[in-house]
Amino acid sequence: MSPFGMLLLLVSHYDGPSKQHHMLNILPTAEKKKIITEYRLRLASMAIFAVAALVLVSLVLLIPSYILAVSKFDNISGQISQLESKQDLTGQEKGIDAQVRDVNKKVNLFLAGRGVDRLSPPDIIARVIAMRGSTIKIQGFDYDVAGDQERLAISGVAADRDSLAQFVEVLKKDPTFTSVELPVSSYVKSVNISFSIMATRIQPAKK
């Protein structure tokens, strides 16, 4: 075979570098880094999305428990308020009852030597208590007798001016008392008003 023919034969059988070598080096290094970076960003985005979805689902599942807890708290708070109101009212009634007994003893001793026809202090005090509203808290009574006058000082706290004015008006309309007086200065405050009402009853002595 001639030298030219041998050269053609060698060229026809030469494939150059291996195909595998060319496939591994198809992408430049910069492109490879870019693809890897995009892959990592997508992976991080999916992880963040999964965590956010988990947090959202957890919050949604906690909503019924939160509502139930708030409802129980409100219920318990209401029960505590009722118990405190009952205890306050019970203590107030006990204090008034002790004062009534003390006043009644003093008046009975005084009337025993006077022969005067008067209403008993418990009756008068019970009538006053019945006339007060829920916004009036009576803290004490001071009963005094001077000649033909019976004077009952009523002290307590009113929730507001309107409640105090209504209580005074009810006392004035009651035939038990001849006069009912309340200092104008008691109306200076608008809420939680401490007051001292003087109710007087004139009763002629027996002949």
N, C-alpha and C. Protein backbone atom coordinates (compact mmCIF):
# COMPACT_ATOMS: atom_id res chain seq x y z
N MET A 1 0.87 -1.19 0.00
CA MET A 1 0.00 0.00 0.00
C MET A 1 0.90 1.24 0.00
N SER A 2 0.42 2.22 -0.77
CA SER A 2 1.22 3.43 -0.88
C SER A 2 1.14 4.22 0.42
N PRO A 3 2.14 5.08 0.65
CA PRO A 3 2.12 5.90 1.89
C PRO A 3 0.88 6.77 2.00
N PHE A 4 0.34 7.26 0.87
CA PHE A 4 -0.86 8.11 0.91
C PHE A 4 -2.08 7.33 1.35
N GLY A 5 -2.15 6.05 0.88
CA GLY A 5 -3.27 5.22 1.27
C GLY A 5 -3.24 4.90 2.74
N MET A 6 -2.04 4.65 3.27
CA MET A 6 -1.92 4.37 4.71
C MET A 6 -2.33 5.59 5.53
N LEU A 7 -2.02 6.78 5.04
CA LEU A 7 -2.38 7.99 5.77
C LEU A 7 -3.89 8.17 5.83
N LEU A 8 -4.55 7.86 4.69
CA LEU A 8 -6.03 7.95 4.67
C LEU A 8 -6.64 6.95 5.62
N LEU A 9 -6.05 5.74 5.69
CA LEU A 9 -6.58 4.70 6.59
C LEU A 9 -6.46 5.13 8.03
N LEU A 10 -5.33 5.73 8.40
CA LEU A 10 -5.13 6.17 9.79
C LEU A 10 -6.08 7.30 10.15
N VAL A 11 -6.28 8.23 9.22
CA VAL A 11 -7.19 9.34 9.50
C VAL A 11 -8.62 8.87 9.68
N SER A 12 -9.03 7.87 8.88
CA SER A 12 -10.41 7.35 8.97
C SER A 12 -10.66 6.64 10.29
N HIS A 13 -9.62 6.05 10.88
CA HIS A 13 -9.79 5.34 12.15
C HIS A 13 -9.48 6.19 13.36
N TYR A 14 -9.12 7.45 13.20
CA TYR A 14 -8.77 8.30 14.36
C TYR A 14 -10.01 9.08 14.82
N ASP A 15 -10.41 8.87 16.07
CA ASP A 15 -11.59 9.55 16.64
C ASP A 15 -11.21 10.75 17.47
N GLY A 16 -9.95 11.04 17.63
CA GLY A 16 -9.53 12.17 18.45
C GLY A 16 -9.66 11.79 19.92
N PRO A 17 -9.73 12.79 20.79
CA PRO A 17 -9.91 12.52 22.25
C PRO A 17 -11.20 11.77 22.48
N SER A 18 -11.28 11.04 23.60
CA SER A 18 -12.47 10.23 23.91
C SER A 18 -13.70 11.09 24.05
N LYS A 19 -14.87 10.54 23.64
CA LYS A 19 -16.15 11.23 23.74
C LYS A 19 -16.48 11.56 25.18
N GLN A 20 -16.12 10.66 26.09
CA GLN A 20 -16.40 10.89 27.50
C GLN A 20 -15.69 12.13 28.00
N HIS A 21 -14.46 12.31 27.50
CA HIS A 21 -13.70 13.48 27.93
C HIS A 21 -14.39 14.76 27.46
N HIS A 22 -14.92 14.75 26.25
CA HIS A 22 -15.64 15.92 25.73
C HIS A 22 -16.93 16.15 26.50
N MET A 23 -17.68 15.12 26.90
CA MET A 23 -18.94 15.27 27.61
C MET A 23 -18.72 15.87 29.00
N LEU A 24 -17.67 15.54 29.65
CA LEU A 24 -17.42 16.06 30.97
C LEU A 24 -17.00 17.52 30.96
N ASN A 25 -16.59 18.01 29.89
CA ASN A 25 -16.09 19.36 29.81
C ASN A 25 -16.92 20.23 28.88
N ILE A 26 -18.20 19.81 28.66
CA ILE A 26 -19.07 20.59 27.77
C ILE A 26 -19.34 21.95 28.38
N LEU A 27 -19.74 22.04 29.72
CA LEU A 27 -20.08 23.30 30.39
C LEU A 27 -18.84 23.95 30.97
N PRO A 28 -18.76 25.25 30.81
CA PRO A 28 -17.64 25.96 31.43
C PRO A 28 -17.78 25.95 32.95
N THR A 29 -16.71 26.26 33.61
CA THR A 29 -16.71 26.27 35.09
C THR A 29 -17.68 27.29 35.65
N ALA A 30 -17.79 28.45 35.04
CA ALA A 30 -18.71 29.51 35.51
C ALA A 30 -20.16 29.04 35.45
N GLU A 31 -20.52 28.34 34.36
CA GLU A 31 -21.88 27.84 34.22
C GLU A 31 -22.19 26.79 35.28
N LYS A 32 -21.20 25.92 35.53
CA LYS A 32 -21.39 24.91 36.58
C LYS A 32 -21.66 25.55 37.93
N LYS A 33 -20.87 26.57 38.27
CA LYS A 33 -21.07 27.26 39.54
C LYS A 33 -22.44 27.93 39.60
N LYS A 34 -22.86 28.48 38.50
CA LYS A 34 -24.17 29.14 38.45
C LYS A 34 -25.29 28.13 38.69
N ILE A 35 -25.20 26.96 38.06
CA ILE A 35 -26.24 25.93 38.23
C ILE A 35 -26.27 25.44 39.67
N ILE A 36 -25.09 25.22 40.25
CA ILE A 36 -25.02 24.77 41.64
C ILE A 36 -25.62 25.80 42.58
N THR A 37 -25.32 27.09 42.32
CA THR A 37 -25.87 28.16 43.16
C THR A 37 -27.39 28.22 43.07
N GLU A 38 -27.93 28.10 41.85
CA GLU A 38 -29.39 28.11 41.66
C GLU A 38 -30.04 26.91 42.35
N TYR A 39 -29.37 25.78 42.28
CA TYR A 39 -29.90 24.58 42.95
C TYR A 39 -29.98 24.78 44.46
N ARG A 40 -28.93 25.35 45.01
CA ARG A 40 -28.92 25.60 46.46
C ARG A 40 -29.97 26.62 46.86
N LEU A 41 -30.15 27.66 46.04
CA LEU A 41 -31.18 28.66 46.33
C LEU A 41 -32.57 28.05 46.30
N ARG A 42 -32.82 27.21 45.30
CA ARG A 42 -34.13 26.54 45.23
C ARG A 42 -34.35 25.62 46.43
N LEU A 43 -33.28 24.91 46.80
CA LEU A 43 -33.39 24.01 47.96
C LEU A 43 -33.67 24.81 49.23
N ALA A 44 -32.99 25.95 49.39
CA ALA A 44 -33.23 26.79 50.58
C ALA A 44 -34.63 27.37 50.57
N SER A 45 -35.10 27.78 49.38
CA SER A 45 -36.47 28.33 49.27
C SER A 45 -37.50 27.29 49.64
N MET A 46 -37.31 26.05 49.17
CA MET A 46 -38.24 24.98 49.52
C MET A 46 -38.23 24.69 51.02
N ALA A 47 -37.04 24.75 51.62
CA ALA A 47 -36.95 24.51 53.07
C ALA A 47 -37.67 25.60 53.85
N ILE A 48 -37.46 26.87 53.43
CA ILE A 48 -38.14 27.99 54.10
C ILE A 48 -39.64 27.88 53.94
N PHE A 49 -40.09 27.54 52.76
CA PHE A 49 -41.54 27.38 52.51
C PHE A 49 -42.12 26.26 53.38
N ALA A 50 -41.37 25.16 53.50
CA ALA A 50 -41.86 24.04 54.31
C ALA A 50 -41.98 24.45 55.78
N VAL A 51 -40.98 25.18 56.29
CA VAL A 51 -41.03 25.64 57.68
C VAL A 51 -42.19 26.60 57.90
N ALA A 52 -42.38 27.54 56.94
CA ALA A 52 -43.48 28.50 57.07
C ALA A 52 -44.83 27.80 57.05
N ALA A 53 -44.96 26.80 56.17
CA ALA A 53 -46.21 26.04 56.11
C ALA A 53 -46.46 25.29 57.42
N LEU A 54 -45.39 24.74 58.00
CA LEU A 54 -45.53 24.02 59.27
C LEU A 54 -45.95 24.96 60.39
N VAL A 55 -45.35 26.17 60.43
CA VAL A 55 -45.72 27.16 61.45
C VAL A 55 -47.18 27.58 61.28
N LEU A 56 -47.59 27.81 60.03
CA LEU A 56 -48.97 28.23 59.77
C LEU A 56 -49.97 27.17 60.20
N VAL A 57 -49.67 25.93 59.87
CA VAL A 57 -50.57 24.83 60.26
C VAL A 57 -50.64 24.72 61.78
N SER A 58 -49.50 24.90 62.45
CA SER A 58 -49.48 24.84 63.92
C SER A 58 -50.34 25.94 64.53
N LEU A 59 -50.23 27.15 63.96
CA LEU A 59 -51.04 28.27 64.47
C LEU A 59 -52.52 28.00 64.27
N VAL A 60 -52.86 27.48 63.11
CA VAL A 60 -54.28 27.17 62.84
C VAL A 60 -54.80 26.14 63.82
N LEU A 61 -53.98 25.15 64.14
CA LEU A 61 -54.40 24.11 65.09
C LEU A 61 -54.50 24.65 66.51
N LEU A 62 -53.74 25.70 66.81
CA LEU A 62 -53.76 26.27 68.16
C LEU A 62 -54.93 27.23 68.38
N ILE A 63 -55.56 27.71 67.32
CA ILE A 63 -56.65 28.68 67.46
C ILE A 63 -57.80 28.15 68.33
N PRO A 64 -58.31 26.93 68.10
CA PRO A 64 -59.40 26.43 68.98
C PRO A 64 -58.98 26.36 70.45
N SER A 65 -57.73 25.93 70.70
CA SER A 65 -57.25 25.87 72.09
C SER A 65 -57.18 27.25 72.70
N TYR A 66 -56.75 28.23 71.90
CA TYR A 66 -56.67 29.61 72.40
C TYR A 66 -58.05 30.15 72.74
N ILE A 67 -59.01 29.92 71.84
CA ILE A 67 -60.37 30.39 72.08
C ILE A 67 -60.95 29.73 73.34
N LEU A 68 -60.70 28.45 73.50
CA LEU A 68 -61.20 27.74 74.68
C LEU A 68 -60.56 28.28 75.95
N ALA A 69 -59.26 28.56 75.89
CA ALA A 69 -58.57 29.10 77.07
C ALA A 69 -59.10 30.48 77.44
N VAL A 70 -59.34 31.32 76.43
CA VAL A 70 -59.88 32.66 76.70
C VAL A 70 -61.28 32.56 77.30
N SER A 71 -62.08 31.64 76.77
CA SER A 71 -63.43 31.46 77.29
C SER A 71 -63.41 31.00 78.75
N LYS A 72 -62.52 30.06 79.06
CA LYS A 72 -62.40 29.58 80.44
C LYS A 72 -61.92 30.69 81.37
N PHE A 73 -60.97 31.50 80.87
CA PHE A 73 -60.45 32.61 81.69
C PHE A 73 -61.56 33.61 82.00
N ASP A 74 -62.37 33.96 80.99
CA ASP A 74 -63.46 34.91 81.21
C ASP A 74 -64.48 34.34 82.19
N ASN A 75 -64.75 33.03 82.07
CA ASN A 75 -65.72 32.39 82.96
C ASN A 75 -65.22 32.41 84.40
N ILE A 76 -63.94 32.07 84.57
CA ILE A 76 -63.36 32.05 85.92
C ILE A 76 -63.32 33.46 86.50
N SER A 77 -62.98 34.46 85.65
CA SER A 77 -62.93 35.84 86.13
C SER A 77 -64.31 36.30 86.59
N GLY A 78 -65.34 35.90 85.83
CA GLY A 78 -66.71 36.25 86.23
C GLY A 78 -67.10 35.62 87.55
N GLN A 79 -66.73 34.36 87.74
CA GLN A 79 -67.05 33.68 88.99
C GLN A 79 -66.32 34.32 90.18
N ILE A 80 -65.05 34.70 89.94
CA ILE A 80 -64.29 35.36 91.02
C ILE A 80 -64.93 36.69 91.38
N SER A 81 -65.37 37.45 90.36
CA SER A 81 -66.01 38.74 90.63
C SER A 81 -67.30 38.55 91.43
N GLN A 82 -68.08 37.52 91.07
CA GLN A 82 -69.31 37.25 91.81
C GLN A 82 -69.03 36.88 93.25
N LEU A 83 -68.00 36.04 93.45
CA LEU A 83 -67.65 35.66 94.82
C LEU A 83 -67.18 36.86 95.63
N GLU A 84 -66.38 37.73 95.00
CA GLU A 84 -65.92 38.93 95.72
C GLU A 84 -67.09 39.83 96.08
N SER A 85 -68.06 39.95 95.14
CA SER A 85 -69.23 40.79 95.42
C SER A 85 -70.05 40.21 96.57
N LYS A 86 -70.20 38.88 96.57
CA LYS A 86 -70.96 38.24 97.64
C LYS A 86 -70.26 38.40 98.99
N GLN A 87 -68.93 38.24 98.98
CA GLN A 87 -68.19 38.40 100.23
C GLN A 87 -68.26 39.83 100.75
N ASP A 88 -68.17 40.79 99.82
CA ASP A 88 -68.26 42.19 100.21
C ASP A 88 -69.63 42.50 100.79
N LEU A 89 -70.67 41.97 100.12
CA LEU A 89 -72.03 42.21 100.60
C LEU A 89 -72.27 41.55 101.95
N THR A 90 -71.72 40.33 102.10
CA THR A 90 -71.89 39.62 103.37
C THR A 90 -71.21 40.37 104.51
N GLY A 91 -69.98 40.84 104.26
CA GLY A 91 -69.28 41.60 105.28
C GLY A 91 -69.99 42.89 105.61
N GLN A 92 -70.55 43.55 104.60
CA GLN A 92 -71.30 44.79 104.82
C GLN A 92 -72.54 44.54 105.67
N GLU A 93 -73.27 43.46 105.33
CA GLU A 93 -74.49 43.15 106.09
C GLU A 93 -74.16 42.78 107.53
N LYS A 94 -73.06 42.07 107.75
CA LYS A 94 -72.68 41.71 109.12
C LYS A 94 -72.35 42.95 109.93
N GLY A 95 -71.62 43.89 109.29
CA GLY A 95 -71.28 45.12 110.00
C GLY A 95 -72.51 45.95 110.34
N ILE A 96 -73.44 46.03 109.40
CA ILE A 96 -74.68 46.78 109.65
C ILE A 96 -75.51 46.12 110.74
N ASP A 97 -75.54 44.78 110.70
CA ASP A 97 -76.32 44.06 111.71
C ASP A 97 -75.76 44.32 113.11
N ALA A 98 -74.44 44.34 113.24
CA ALA A 98 -73.82 44.61 114.55
C ALA A 98 -74.14 46.03 115.01
N GLN A 99 -74.11 46.98 114.06
CA GLN A 99 -74.43 48.36 114.42
C GLN A 99 -75.89 48.49 114.84
N VAL A 100 -76.76 47.79 114.13
CA VAL A 100 -78.19 47.85 114.47
C VAL A 100 -78.44 47.33 115.87
N ARG A 101 -77.79 46.22 116.22
CA ARG A 101 -77.98 45.66 117.56
C ARG A 101 -77.48 46.63 118.63
N ASP A 102 -76.33 47.24 118.36
CA ASP A 102 -75.77 48.18 119.34
C ASP A 102 -76.68 49.40 119.52
N VAL A 103 -77.15 49.94 118.39
CA VAL A 103 -78.04 51.12 118.46
C VAL A 103 -79.35 50.76 119.13
N ASN A 104 -79.85 49.59 118.83
CA ASN A 104 -81.13 49.17 119.40
C ASN A 104 -81.05 49.08 120.92
N LYS A 105 -79.95 48.57 121.44
CA LYS A 105 -79.78 48.48 122.89
C LYS A 105 -79.79 49.87 123.53
N LYS A 106 -79.04 50.80 122.91
CA LYS A 106 -78.97 52.14 123.47
C LYS A 106 -80.32 52.83 123.44
N VAL A 107 -81.04 52.69 122.34
CA VAL A 107 -82.34 53.36 122.21
C VAL A 107 -83.36 52.77 123.16
N ASN A 108 -83.33 51.45 123.31
CA ASN A 108 -84.28 50.82 124.23
C ASN A 108 -84.06 51.30 125.66
N LEU A 109 -82.79 51.45 126.05
CA LEU A 109 -82.50 51.98 127.38
C LEU A 109 -82.98 53.41 127.53
N PHE A 110 -82.81 54.20 126.46
CA PHE A 110 -83.22 55.60 126.52
C PHE A 110 -84.74 55.74 126.56
N LEU A 111 -85.41 54.95 125.73
CA LEU A 111 -86.88 55.06 125.64
C LEU A 111 -87.57 54.49 126.86
N ALA A 112 -86.88 53.60 127.56
CA ALA A 112 -87.52 52.99 128.72
C ALA A 112 -87.88 54.03 129.78
N GLY A 113 -87.06 55.08 129.88
CA GLY A 113 -87.34 56.10 130.87
C GLY A 113 -88.08 57.30 130.32
N ARG A 114 -88.35 57.30 128.99
CA ARG A 114 -88.99 58.46 128.38
C ARG A 114 -90.46 58.23 128.05
N GLY A 115 -90.82 57.00 127.89
CA GLY A 115 -92.21 56.70 127.54
C GLY A 115 -92.60 57.30 126.19
N VAL A 116 -91.69 57.27 125.23
CA VAL A 116 -91.93 57.87 123.92
C VAL A 116 -92.25 56.78 122.91
N ASP A 117 -93.22 57.06 122.04
CA ASP A 117 -93.63 56.11 121.00
C ASP A 117 -92.84 56.40 119.72
N ARG A 118 -91.87 55.58 119.44
CA ARG A 118 -91.06 55.77 118.24
C ARG A 118 -90.91 54.44 117.50
N LEU A 119 -90.55 54.57 116.22
CA LEU A 119 -90.22 53.36 115.47
C LEU A 119 -88.90 52.81 115.99
N SER A 120 -88.79 51.51 115.99
CA SER A 120 -87.54 50.92 116.46
C SER A 120 -86.44 51.16 115.43
N PRO A 121 -85.23 51.38 115.86
CA PRO A 121 -84.11 51.59 114.93
C PRO A 121 -83.95 50.47 113.90
N PRO A 122 -84.11 49.20 114.28
CA PRO A 122 -83.99 48.16 113.25
C PRO A 122 -85.00 48.34 112.12
N ASP A 123 -86.23 48.78 112.48
CA ASP A 123 -87.24 48.99 111.44
C ASP A 123 -86.82 50.11 110.49
N ILE A 124 -86.32 51.20 111.06
CA ILE A 124 -85.91 52.33 110.23
C ILE A 124 -84.72 51.95 109.34
N ILE A 125 -83.74 51.30 109.92
CA ILE A 125 -82.55 50.91 109.16
C ILE A 125 -82.90 49.90 108.08
N ALA A 126 -83.76 48.93 108.42
CA ALA A 126 -84.19 47.95 107.43
C ALA A 126 -84.90 48.63 106.27
N ARG A 127 -85.69 49.66 106.58
CA ARG A 127 -86.39 50.39 105.53
C ARG A 127 -85.40 51.12 104.63
N VAL A 128 -84.38 51.72 105.21
CA VAL A 128 -83.36 52.42 104.42
C VAL A 128 -82.61 51.45 103.52
N ILE A 129 -82.24 50.30 104.07
CA ILE A 129 -81.51 49.30 103.27
C ILE A 129 -82.36 48.83 102.10
N ALA A 130 -83.66 48.68 102.32
CA ALA A 130 -84.55 48.23 101.26
C ALA A 130 -84.68 49.28 100.16
N MET A 131 -84.48 50.55 100.51
CA MET A 131 -84.64 51.62 99.52
C MET A 131 -83.39 51.85 98.69
N ARG A 132 -82.24 51.38 99.14
CA ARG A 132 -81.01 51.62 98.38
C ARG A 132 -80.99 50.73 97.14
N GLY A 133 -80.34 51.19 96.10
CA GLY A 133 -80.18 50.40 94.88
C GLY A 133 -78.88 49.63 94.88
N SER A 134 -78.64 48.92 93.80
CA SER A 134 -77.41 48.13 93.70
C SER A 134 -76.17 49.00 93.57
N THR A 135 -76.36 50.27 93.21
CA THR A 135 -75.22 51.17 93.04
C THR A 135 -74.88 51.94 94.32
N ILE A 136 -75.60 51.65 95.38
CA ILE A 136 -75.36 52.31 96.67
C ILE A 136 -74.84 51.28 97.67
N LYS A 137 -73.68 51.55 98.25
CA LYS A 137 -73.12 50.67 99.28
C LYS A 137 -73.15 51.42 100.62
N ILE A 138 -73.94 50.91 101.53
CA ILE A 138 -74.05 51.53 102.85
C ILE A 138 -72.98 50.95 103.77
N GLN A 139 -72.21 51.83 104.37
CA GLN A 139 -71.10 51.40 105.22
C GLN A 139 -71.38 51.53 106.71
N GLY A 140 -72.39 52.34 107.07
CA GLY A 140 -72.68 52.47 108.49
C GLY A 140 -73.86 53.37 108.79
N PHE A 141 -74.38 53.23 110.04
CA PHE A 141 -75.48 54.05 110.53
C PHE A 141 -75.07 54.66 111.88
N ASP A 142 -75.58 55.84 112.12
CA ASP A 142 -75.37 56.48 113.43
C ASP A 142 -76.73 57.02 113.89
N TYR A 143 -77.32 56.33 114.86
CA TYR A 143 -78.67 56.70 115.33
C TYR A 143 -78.55 57.53 116.61
N ASP A 144 -79.32 58.62 116.63
CA ASP A 144 -79.26 59.51 117.78
C ASP A 144 -80.66 60.04 118.07
N VAL A 145 -80.96 60.22 119.35
CA VAL A 145 -82.25 60.77 119.78
C VAL A 145 -82.00 62.03 120.58
N ALA A 146 -82.66 63.11 120.18
CA ALA A 146 -82.53 64.39 120.89
C ALA A 146 -83.93 64.97 121.05
N GLY A 147 -84.48 64.89 122.26
CA GLY A 147 -85.83 65.40 122.49
C GLY A 147 -86.85 64.62 121.70
N ASP A 148 -87.58 65.33 120.85
CA ASP A 148 -88.60 64.66 120.05
C ASP A 148 -88.08 64.32 118.66
N GLN A 149 -86.79 64.41 118.46
CA GLN A 149 -86.21 64.13 117.14
C GLN A 149 -85.37 62.85 117.17
N GLU A 150 -85.58 62.07 116.14
CA GLU A 150 -84.74 60.90 115.90
C GLU A 150 -83.89 61.22 114.67
N ARG A 151 -82.60 61.10 114.80
CA ARG A 151 -81.71 61.41 113.69
C ARG A 151 -80.91 60.16 113.31
N LEU A 152 -80.91 59.91 112.02
CA LEU A 152 -80.20 58.74 111.50
C LEU A 152 -79.19 59.21 110.45
N ALA A 153 -77.91 59.07 110.77
CA ALA A 153 -76.85 59.41 109.82
C ALA A 153 -76.51 58.17 109.02
N ILE A 154 -76.63 58.29 107.70
CA ILE A 154 -76.38 57.16 106.80
C ILE A 154 -75.11 57.47 106.01
N SER A 155 -74.10 56.63 106.15
CA SER A 155 -72.85 56.83 105.42
C SER A 155 -72.61 55.66 104.47
N GLY A 156 -71.98 55.99 103.37
CA GLY A 156 -71.70 54.95 102.38
C GLY A 156 -71.02 55.51 101.15
N VAL A 157 -71.07 54.74 100.07
CA VAL A 157 -70.43 55.12 98.80
C VAL A 157 -71.42 54.88 97.67
N ALA A 158 -71.56 55.90 96.80
CA ALA A 158 -72.43 55.80 95.63
C ALA A 158 -71.58 55.64 94.38
N ALA A 159 -72.09 54.87 93.44
CA ALA A 159 -71.32 54.62 92.21
C ALA A 159 -71.15 55.89 91.40
N ASP A 160 -72.19 56.76 91.37
CA ASP A 160 -72.10 58.01 90.61
C ASP A 160 -73.10 59.02 91.17
N ARG A 161 -73.14 60.21 90.59
CA ARG A 161 -74.01 61.28 91.08
C ARG A 161 -75.48 60.93 90.94
N ASP A 162 -75.84 60.36 89.79
CA ASP A 162 -77.25 60.03 89.56
C ASP A 162 -77.75 59.03 90.60
N SER A 163 -76.94 58.03 90.89
CA SER A 163 -77.35 57.03 91.89
C SER A 163 -77.55 57.68 93.26
N LEU A 164 -76.65 58.58 93.63
CA LEU A 164 -76.76 59.25 94.93
C LEU A 164 -77.99 60.15 94.97
N ALA A 165 -78.23 60.90 93.89
CA ALA A 165 -79.39 61.79 93.84
C ALA A 165 -80.70 61.00 93.93
N GLN A 166 -80.77 59.87 93.26
CA GLN A 166 -81.96 59.04 93.30
C GLN A 166 -82.20 58.48 94.70
N PHE A 167 -81.13 58.07 95.36
CA PHE A 167 -81.25 57.53 96.71
C PHE A 167 -81.78 58.60 97.67
N VAL A 168 -81.24 59.80 97.57
CA VAL A 168 -81.70 60.91 98.43
C VAL A 168 -83.16 61.22 98.14
N GLU A 169 -83.54 61.20 96.87
CA GLU A 169 -84.93 61.52 96.51
C GLU A 169 -85.89 60.47 97.07
N VAL A 170 -85.47 59.20 97.03
CA VAL A 170 -86.32 58.13 97.58
C VAL A 170 -86.48 58.31 99.08
N LEU A 171 -85.41 58.67 99.77
CA LEU A 171 -85.50 58.90 101.21
C LEU A 171 -86.43 60.07 101.53
N LYS A 172 -86.38 61.13 100.73
CA LYS A 172 -87.23 62.30 100.97
C LYS A 172 -88.71 61.98 100.78
N LYS A 173 -89.00 61.08 99.85
CA LYS A 173 -90.39 60.73 99.59
C LYS A 173 -90.96 59.77 100.62
N ASP A 174 -90.09 59.13 101.38
CA ASP A 174 -90.57 58.17 102.37
C ASP A 174 -91.17 58.93 103.57
N PRO A 175 -92.37 58.59 104.00
CA PRO A 175 -93.02 59.30 105.10
C PRO A 175 -92.36 59.07 106.46
N THR A 176 -91.43 58.14 106.52
CA THR A 176 -90.76 57.88 107.79
C THR A 176 -89.97 59.09 108.27
N PHE A 177 -89.39 59.81 107.33
CA PHE A 177 -88.50 60.92 107.69
C PHE A 177 -89.17 62.27 107.44
N THR A 178 -88.93 63.17 108.37
CA THR A 178 -89.43 64.54 108.24
C THR A 178 -88.55 65.35 107.30
N SER A 179 -87.25 65.13 107.36
CA SER A 179 -86.32 65.82 106.47
C SER A 179 -85.13 64.93 106.17
N VAL A 180 -84.57 65.14 104.98
CA VAL A 180 -83.38 64.40 104.54
C VAL A 180 -82.39 65.42 103.98
N GLU A 181 -81.19 65.46 104.53
CA GLU A 181 -80.20 66.45 104.11
C GLU A 181 -78.91 65.78 103.66
N LEU A 182 -78.37 66.32 102.57
CA LEU A 182 -77.09 65.84 102.04
C LEU A 182 -76.25 67.06 101.65
N PRO A 183 -75.03 67.19 102.15
CA PRO A 183 -74.19 68.34 101.78
C PRO A 183 -73.98 68.41 100.27
N VAL A 184 -74.01 69.63 99.72
CA VAL A 184 -73.82 69.83 98.29
C VAL A 184 -72.42 69.38 97.87
N SER A 185 -71.48 69.47 98.78
CA SER A 185 -70.10 69.08 98.47
C SER A 185 -69.98 67.60 98.11
N SER A 186 -71.00 66.83 98.45
CA SER A 186 -70.96 65.40 98.13
C SER A 186 -71.01 65.16 96.63
N TYR A 187 -71.50 66.15 95.87
CA TYR A 187 -71.63 65.99 94.43
C TYR A 187 -70.40 66.48 93.67
N VAL A 188 -69.32 66.81 94.39
CA VAL A 188 -68.11 67.29 93.70
C VAL A 188 -67.52 66.19 92.82
N LYS A 189 -67.42 64.99 93.37
CA LYS A 189 -66.90 63.87 92.58
C LYS A 189 -67.99 63.32 91.68
N SER A 190 -67.59 62.72 90.58
CA SER A 190 -68.57 62.18 89.63
C SER A 190 -68.79 60.68 89.83
N VAL A 191 -67.80 59.97 90.36
CA VAL A 191 -67.92 58.53 90.59
C VAL A 191 -67.32 58.18 91.95
N ASN A 192 -67.74 57.01 92.47
CA ASN A 192 -67.26 56.54 93.79
C ASN A 192 -67.35 57.64 94.84
N ILE A 193 -68.59 58.12 95.04
CA ILE A 193 -68.82 59.27 95.91
C ILE A 193 -69.09 58.80 97.34
N SER A 194 -68.27 59.25 98.26
CA SER A 194 -68.52 58.99 99.68
C SER A 194 -69.55 60.01 100.18
N PHE A 195 -70.56 59.54 100.89
CA PHE A 195 -71.63 60.44 101.32
C PHE A 195 -71.99 60.19 102.78
N SER A 196 -72.64 61.19 103.36
CA SER A 196 -73.19 61.09 104.71
C SER A 196 -74.52 61.84 104.72
N ILE A 197 -75.60 61.09 104.76
CA ILE A 197 -76.95 61.66 104.70
C ILE A 197 -77.52 61.71 106.12
N MET A 198 -78.12 62.84 106.45
CA MET A 198 -78.78 63.00 107.75
C MET A 198 -80.29 62.97 107.55
N ALA A 199 -80.91 61.91 108.04
CA ALA A 199 -82.37 61.78 107.96
C ALA A 199 -82.96 62.01 109.35
N THR A 200 -83.94 62.89 109.42
CA THR A 200 -84.54 63.27 110.71
C THR A 200 -86.01 62.89 110.73
N ARG A 201 -86.45 62.44 111.90
CA ARG A 201 -87.84 62.11 112.08
C ARG A 201 -88.33 62.73 113.41
N ILE A 202 -89.37 63.50 113.34
CA ILE A 202 -89.93 64.13 114.53
C ILE A 202 -91.12 63.32 115.00
N GLN A 203 -91.09 62.94 116.26
CA GLN A 203 -92.18 62.14 116.84
C GLN A 203 -92.60 62.74 118.16
N PRO A 204 -93.83 63.20 118.29
CA PRO A 204 -94.30 63.78 119.55
C PRO A 204 -94.32 62.75 120.67
N ALA A 205 -93.99 63.20 121.86
CA ALA A 205 -94.01 62.30 123.01
C ALA A 205 -95.43 61.99 123.41
N LYS A 206 -95.59 60.86 124.10
CA LYS A 206 -96.91 60.47 124.58
C LYS A 206 -97.37 61.41 125.70
N LYS A 207 -98.63 61.65 125.73
CA LYS A 207 -99.21 62.48 126.78
C LYS A 207 -99.62 61.61 127.97
